[in-house]
Amino acid sequence: MFRQSAQHIGTYYAGTYPGPIPLRPRLQEALQREVLIIGGGFSGLHTALRLALAGKKVVAWPRTRRNW
């Protein structure tokens, strides 16, 4: 039932991406935001969107690598 590995599961997007999936991008400069969301999955992105629509300055940062 539970996965023993912490590796990402395979997705359509990961399987059809032309080349290796890049790791999360490096910050080029300091960011000033009200909210930092670590995790770019559905819940993290949904939360970031809802907060941004409410007027908050948000950055969503993937925990490991982009997989969407």
Protein backbone atom coordinates (compact mmCIF):
# COMPACT_ATOMS: atom_id res chain seq x y z
CA MET A 1 0.00 0.00 0.00
CA PHE A 2 2.74 2.48 0.94
CA ARG A 3 5.82 3.21 -1.11
CA GLN A 4 9.13 2.44 0.55
CA SER A 5 11.00 4.93 -1.65
CA ALA A 6 11.03 8.71 -1.45
CA GLN A 7 11.48 8.95 -5.23
CA HIS A 8 8.87 10.68 -7.35
CA ILE A 9 6.27 8.47 -8.91
CA GLY A 10 6.13 8.36 -12.68
CA THR A 11 3.69 10.77 -14.31
CA TYR A 12 2.64 11.39 -17.90
CA TYR A 13 4.42 14.74 -17.83
CA ALA A 14 7.65 13.27 -16.49
CA GLY A 15 7.48 10.40 -18.97
CA THR A 16 6.98 12.61 -22.02
CA TYR A 17 9.33 15.47 -21.10
CA PRO A 18 12.03 15.70 -23.81
CA GLY A 19 15.15 15.11 -21.76
CA PRO A 20 16.00 14.89 -18.08
CA ILE A 21 13.66 16.73 -15.76
CA PRO A 22 15.54 19.73 -14.38
CA LEU A 23 16.05 20.16 -10.68
CA ARG A 24 14.40 23.12 -9.02
CA PRO A 25 15.81 26.40 -10.32
CA ARG A 26 18.41 28.31 -8.35
CA LEU A 27 17.46 31.71 -7.05
CA GLN A 28 19.22 34.46 -8.95
CA GLU A 29 18.38 37.17 -6.41
CA ALA A 30 16.73 37.58 -3.02
CA LEU A 31 12.93 37.41 -2.93
CA GLN A 32 10.63 39.36 -0.63
CA ARG A 33 7.29 37.60 -0.28
CA GLU A 34 4.64 37.29 2.39
CA VAL A 35 4.20 33.53 1.97
CA LEU A 36 6.56 30.73 0.97
CA ILE A 37 4.98 27.43 0.00
CA ILE A 38 7.38 24.52 -0.19
CA GLY A 39 6.00 21.87 -2.47
CA GLY A 40 4.78 22.34 -6.01
CA GLY A 41 2.22 19.57 -6.09
CA PHE A 42 -1.48 20.12 -6.61
CA SER A 43 -2.14 21.23 -3.03
CA GLY A 44 0.84 23.59 -2.92
CA LEU A 45 -0.02 25.21 -6.24
CA HIS A 46 -3.70 25.46 -5.35
CA THR A 47 -2.85 27.13 -2.05
CA ALA A 48 -0.45 29.52 -3.78
CA LEU A 49 -3.11 30.46 -6.32
CA ARG A 50 -5.78 31.06 -3.67
CA LEU A 51 -3.43 33.24 -1.62
CA ALA A 52 -2.32 35.20 -4.70
CA LEU A 53 -5.95 35.80 -5.66
CA ALA A 54 -6.49 37.11 -2.12
CA GLY A 55 -3.73 39.68 -2.69
CA LYS A 56 -0.82 37.98 -0.95
CA LYS A 57 2.69 37.96 -2.42
CA VAL A 58 3.43 34.25 -2.76
CA VAL A 59 6.23 32.08 -4.03
CA ALA A 60 5.73 28.33 -4.51
CA TRP A 61 9.02 26.44 -4.39
CA PRO A 62 9.28 22.77 -5.39
CA ARG A 63 10.54 20.52 -2.62
CA THR A 64 12.80 18.48 -4.89
CA ARG A 65 12.25 18.70 -8.62
CA ARG A 66 9.60 19.82 -11.05
CA ASN A 67 7.36 16.95 -12.06
CA TRP A 68 4.25 18.63 -13.46
